[in-house]
Structure formats: C-alpha cells, structure tokens
Amino acid sequence: MASKTSADTSPDWPGRTVQHEACALPLSARRAALGRPEMPRNAGNCRTDSKRALLAAIEKIGGRW
C-alpha cells in the first residue's frame, strides 16, 4: 500500500530509503522456513494507565490487540 502523505522519493532526503516489500518478503520466507513460529508478545510491564485502559476497552468489545 502506498503512502498517501509521502512521495516515493524525496530529493532532499539524506537517509537510506527502504521499500516495505524488500523487507517483508525475506522476513516472510524466513518465518515460513522456520514453520511459522509463535512470536513472543510484549509483556507490557511498562504500560501507562491510559494504555492499559485502552487495551481493556478493546478486549471488552471482543478485539485482540
């Protein structure tokens, strides 16, 4: 999906440009080769009260963050 706010290239950008597809395809292939392992989730030990409330509200309506 192309960005709606950024151009593909910017002549004044000093940094390296990485295309999403160039990163996603090899990563997907590596995960497939490993048998699609379950990735560890963030334990959430440092969450703010507002973030905890948001995640609780999402879970309450049946969502999974």
C-alpha atoms as a PDB file:
ATOM      1  CA  MET A   1       0.000   0.000   0.000  1.00  0.00           C
ATOM      2  CA  ALA A   2       1.458   3.335  -0.996  1.00  0.00           C
ATOM      3  CA  SER A   3       1.710   6.196   1.443  1.00  0.00           C
ATOM      4  CA  LYS A   4      -0.903   8.887   0.946  1.00  0.00           C
ATOM      5  CA  THR A   5       1.294  11.544   2.550  1.00  0.00           C
ATOM      6  CA  SER A   6       4.810  10.714   1.350  1.00  0.00           C
ATOM      7  CA  ALA A   7       6.235  10.636  -2.138  1.00  0.00           C
ATOM      8  CA  ASP A   8       8.144   7.555  -3.295  1.00  0.00           C
ATOM      9  CA  THR A   9      11.353   9.544  -3.437  1.00  0.00           C
ATOM     10  CA  SER A  10      12.376  12.856  -1.994  1.00  0.00           C
ATOM     11  CA  PRO A  11      15.413  14.596  -3.466  1.00  0.00           C
ATOM     12  CA  ASP A  12      16.293  16.236  -0.133  1.00  0.00           C
ATOM     13  CA  TRP A  13      16.094  13.053   1.982  1.00  0.00           C
ATOM     14  CA  PRO A  14      19.633  12.369   3.285  1.00  0.00           C
ATOM     15  CA  GLY A  15      18.978   8.876   4.589  1.00  0.00           C
ATOM     16  CA  ARG A  16      18.600   5.466   3.057  1.00  0.00           C
ATOM     17  CA  THR A  17      15.201   4.519   1.615  1.00  0.00           C
ATOM     18  CA  VAL A  18      13.905   1.022   2.324  1.00  0.00           C
ATOM     19  CA  GLN A  19      10.939  -0.359   0.459  1.00  0.00           C
ATOM     20  CA  HIS A  20       8.485  -2.289   2.641  1.00  0.00           C
ATOM     21  CA  GLU A  21       8.262  -5.154   0.180  1.00  0.00           C
ATOM     22  CA  ALA A  22      12.057  -5.543   0.180  1.00  0.00           C
ATOM     23  CA  CYS A  23      11.923  -6.163   3.944  1.00  0.00           C
ATOM     24  CA  ALA A  24       8.651  -8.082   4.164  1.00  0.00           C
ATOM     25  CA  LEU A  25       9.316 -10.775   1.568  1.00  0.00           C
ATOM     26  CA  PRO A  26      12.574 -12.139   3.052  1.00  0.00           C
ATOM     27  CA  LEU A  27      11.084 -11.971   6.550  1.00  0.00           C
ATOM     28  CA  SER A  28       8.026 -13.915   5.440  1.00  0.00           C
ATOM     29  CA  ALA A  29      10.240 -16.527   3.773  1.00  0.00           C
ATOM     30  CA  ARG A  30      12.353 -16.912   6.932  1.00  0.00           C
ATOM     31  CA  ARG A  31       9.258 -17.372   9.091  1.00  0.00           C
ATOM     32  CA  ALA A  32       7.866 -19.960   6.660  1.00  0.00           C
ATOM     33  CA  ALA A  33      11.171 -21.853   6.679  1.00  0.00           C
ATOM     34  CA  LEU A  34      11.006 -21.993  10.480  1.00  0.00           C
ATOM     35  CA  GLY A  35       7.474 -23.377  10.453  1.00  0.00           C
ATOM     36  CA  ARG A  36       5.716 -20.117  11.327  1.00  0.00           C
ATOM     37  CA  PRO A  37       6.852 -19.941  14.970  1.00  0.00           C
ATOM     38  CA  GLU A  38       4.725 -18.080  17.501  1.00  0.00           C
ATOM     39  CA  MET A  39       6.455 -14.751  18.070  1.00  0.00           C
ATOM     40  CA  PRO A  40       6.784 -13.577  21.683  1.00  0.00           C
ATOM     41  CA  ARG A  41       4.492 -10.731  22.627  1.00  0.00           C
ATOM     42  CA  ASN A  42       5.418  -7.676  24.621  1.00  0.00           C
ATOM     43  CA  ALA A  43       4.843  -8.400  28.327  1.00  0.00           C
ATOM     44  CA  GLY A  44       3.506  -4.878  28.836  1.00  0.00           C
ATOM     45  CA  ASN A  45       5.225  -4.272  32.156  1.00  0.00           C
ATOM     46  CA  CYS A  46       5.830  -0.568  31.450  1.00  0.00           C
ATOM     47  CA  ARG A  47       2.412   0.436  30.120  1.00  0.00           C
ATOM     48  CA  THR A  48       0.755   3.637  31.211  1.00  0.00           C
ATOM     49  CA  ASP A  49      -2.633   3.597  32.901  1.00  0.00           C
ATOM     50  CA  SER A  50      -4.225   5.078  29.783  1.00  0.00           C
ATOM     51  CA  LYS A  51      -2.726   2.344  27.584  1.00  0.00           C
ATOM     52  CA  ARG A  52      -3.985  -0.343  29.982  1.00  0.00           C
ATOM     53  CA  ALA A  53      -7.460   1.217  29.878  1.00  0.00           C
ATOM     54  CA  LEU A  54      -7.407   1.330  26.088  1.00  0.00           C
ATOM     55  CA  LEU A  55      -6.389  -2.328  25.806  1.00  0.00           C
ATOM     56  CA  ALA A  56      -9.049  -3.325  28.355  1.00  0.00           C
ATOM     57  CA  ALA A  57     -11.718  -1.487  26.326  1.00  0.00           C
ATOM     58  CA  ILE A  58     -10.561  -3.192  23.119  1.00  0.00           C
ATOM     59  CA  GLU A  59     -10.706  -6.592  24.807  1.00  0.00           C
ATOM     60  CA  LYS A  60     -14.143  -5.837  26.265  1.00  0.00           C
ATOM     61  CA  ILE A  61     -15.635  -5.387  22.786  1.00  0.00           C
ATOM     62  CA  GLY A  62     -14.007  -8.597  21.585  1.00  0.00           C
ATOM     63  CA  GLY A  63     -10.884  -7.228  19.973  1.00  0.00           C
ATOM     64  CA  ARG A  64      -7.399  -8.615  20.285  1.00  0.00           C
ATOM     65  CA  TRP A  65      -4.679  -6.071  20.185  1.00  0.00           C
END
